Amino acid sequence: PLLPHPPQSAKRENMAMRQRWLYSALAAFALLGVVCAGQQAAGQAQPSDKEVAEFKQDFLDFDLNKDDQIDAQEVRSQFKGELDTRELHQFFIDVDKDNSGTITLQEYIDYAMSLNGPSD
């Protein structure tokens, strides 16, 4: 049997929280000039299983057409006009390492790990 879905209000609240996190990440990226290596740089920690699961869920929430890629339109639609065009453009320049115009799960994980900084 399928598990019951949470109420729409809980879904909206969870999505809003994830959007705030991504927007905060984008803002930090823009303000601090963080550059994602796109590859595992020397000294960069590997993500834990829990982190990978969280990053994957965030990725899936933004991958509206479920094609295993996030494009600018999907990000823009999630923020409903609250995202500056320059920030979105800079985000794609730095995260989309293969210059395909879309972000893969691995590119997203690499980016998210770069925001976490080196682990102690």
Protein backbone atom coordinates (compact mmCIF):
# COMPACT_ATOMS: atom_id res chain seq x y z
CA PRO A 1 0.00 0.00 0.00
CA LEU A 2 1.07 3.56 -0.66
CA LEU A 3 1.94 5.76 2.28
CA PRO A 4 -0.37 8.71 2.82
CA HIS A 5 0.89 12.00 1.49
CA PRO A 6 1.44 14.82 3.96
CA PRO A 7 -1.13 17.61 3.87
CA GLN A 8 -0.57 20.19 1.14
CA SER A 9 0.27 22.84 3.76
CA ALA A 10 3.08 20.64 5.12
CA LYS A 11 4.37 20.04 1.59
CA ARG A 12 4.32 23.78 0.85
CA GLU A 13 6.10 24.54 4.13
CA ASN A 14 8.79 21.93 3.41
CA MET A 15 9.25 23.25 -0.14
CA ALA A 16 9.41 26.81 1.16
CA MET A 17 12.11 25.79 3.62
CA ARG A 18 14.14 24.10 0.85
CA GLN A 19 13.68 27.14 -1.38
CA ARG A 20 14.93 29.41 1.40
CA TRP A 21 17.98 27.15 1.81
CA LEU A 22 18.76 27.19 -1.90
CA TYR A 23 18.16 30.94 -2.11
CA SER A 24 20.48 31.43 0.88
CA ALA A 25 23.06 29.24 -0.82
CA LEU A 26 22.74 31.26 -4.02
CA ALA A 27 23.02 34.52 -2.11
CA ALA A 28 26.08 33.30 -0.22
CA PHE A 29 27.55 32.15 -3.48
CA ALA A 30 26.99 35.52 -5.09
CA LEU A 31 28.21 37.55 -2.13
CA LEU A 32 31.25 35.50 -1.23
CA GLY A 33 32.31 34.58 -4.75
CA VAL A 34 32.48 30.90 -3.90
CA VAL A 35 33.78 28.88 -6.83
CA CYS A 36 32.74 25.28 -7.07
CA ALA A 37 35.57 23.03 -8.17
CA GLY A 38 33.21 20.64 -9.93
CA GLN A 39 35.55 17.84 -8.97
CA GLN A 40 36.72 16.52 -5.65
CA ALA A 41 39.46 18.99 -4.79
CA ALA A 42 42.34 18.06 -2.56
CA GLY A 43 41.15 18.21 1.02
CA GLN A 44 37.46 18.41 0.12
CA ALA A 45 35.50 15.92 2.18
CA GLN A 46 33.31 13.30 0.60
CA PRO A 47 29.63 13.79 1.42
CA SER A 48 28.13 11.51 4.03
CA ASP A 49 25.23 9.24 3.10
CA LYS A 50 22.90 11.60 4.98
CA GLU A 51 24.21 14.62 3.05
CA VAL A 52 23.85 12.81 -0.27
CA ALA A 53 20.26 11.90 0.62
CA GLU A 54 19.47 15.53 1.53
CA PHE A 55 21.13 16.92 -1.60
CA LYS A 56 19.33 14.37 -3.75
CA GLN A 57 15.96 15.30 -2.24
CA ASP A 58 16.65 18.99 -2.85
CA PHE A 59 17.65 18.17 -6.42
CA LEU A 60 14.51 16.09 -7.01
CA ASP A 61 12.31 18.88 -5.61
CA PHE A 62 13.68 21.25 -8.26
CA ASP A 63 13.70 18.72 -11.13
CA LEU A 64 10.08 19.37 -12.02
CA ASN A 65 10.03 17.40 -15.28
CA LYS A 66 11.94 14.49 -13.69
CA ASP A 67 14.60 14.31 -16.43
CA ASP A 68 17.46 14.03 -13.89
CA GLN A 69 18.64 17.55 -14.72
CA ILE A 70 17.80 20.99 -13.38
CA ASP A 71 17.48 23.80 -15.89
CA ALA A 72 17.14 27.52 -15.32
CA GLN A 73 13.39 27.43 -15.97
CA GLU A 74 12.88 24.88 -13.19
CA VAL A 75 14.87 26.98 -10.71
CA ARG A 76 13.09 30.16 -11.81
CA SER A 77 9.64 28.56 -11.45
CA GLN A 78 10.41 27.43 -7.90
CA PHE A 79 11.33 30.96 -6.82
CA LYS A 80 8.42 32.63 -8.62
CA GLY A 81 10.33 35.80 -9.49
CA GLU A 82 12.19 36.12 -6.18
CA LEU A 83 15.54 35.24 -7.77
CA ASP A 84 17.68 37.89 -9.42
CA THR A 85 18.51 37.00 -13.04
CA ARG A 86 22.21 37.74 -12.49
CA GLU A 87 22.35 35.42 -9.47
CA LEU A 88 20.67 32.66 -11.44
CA HIS A 89 23.06 33.16 -14.36
CA GLN A 90 26.11 33.15 -12.07
CA PHE A 91 24.83 30.05 -10.30
CA PHE A 92 24.62 28.17 -13.61
CA ILE A 93 28.03 29.42 -14.77
CA ASP A 94 29.70 28.07 -11.64
CA VAL A 95 27.69 24.90 -11.03
CA ASP A 96 27.17 23.65 -14.61
CA LYS A 97 30.72 22.39 -15.09
CA ASP A 98 30.08 20.65 -18.42
CA ASN A 99 28.39 23.78 -19.84
CA SER A 100 25.36 21.76 -20.91
CA GLY A 101 22.89 24.40 -19.71
CA THR A 102 21.58 22.02 -17.07
CA ILE A 103 22.76 20.86 -13.67
CA THR A 104 23.19 17.17 -12.93
CA LEU A 105 22.86 15.61 -9.51
CA GLN A 106 26.65 15.23 -9.26
CA GLU A 107 27.22 18.87 -10.20
CA TYR A 108 24.68 19.88 -7.56
CA ILE A 109 26.34 17.69 -4.90
CA ASP A 110 29.77 19.12 -5.75
CA TYR A 111 28.35 22.63 -5.44
CA ALA A 112 26.58 21.91 -2.16
CA MET A 113 29.74 20.36 -0.70
CA SER A 114 31.74 23.43 -1.74
CA LEU A 115 29.34 25.58 0.32
CA ASN A 116 29.91 23.38 3.36
CA GLY A 117 33.64 24.17 3.26
CA PRO A 118 36.38 21.89 4.50
CA SER A 119 35.42 19.53 7.27
CA ASP A 120 37.29 19.53 10.56
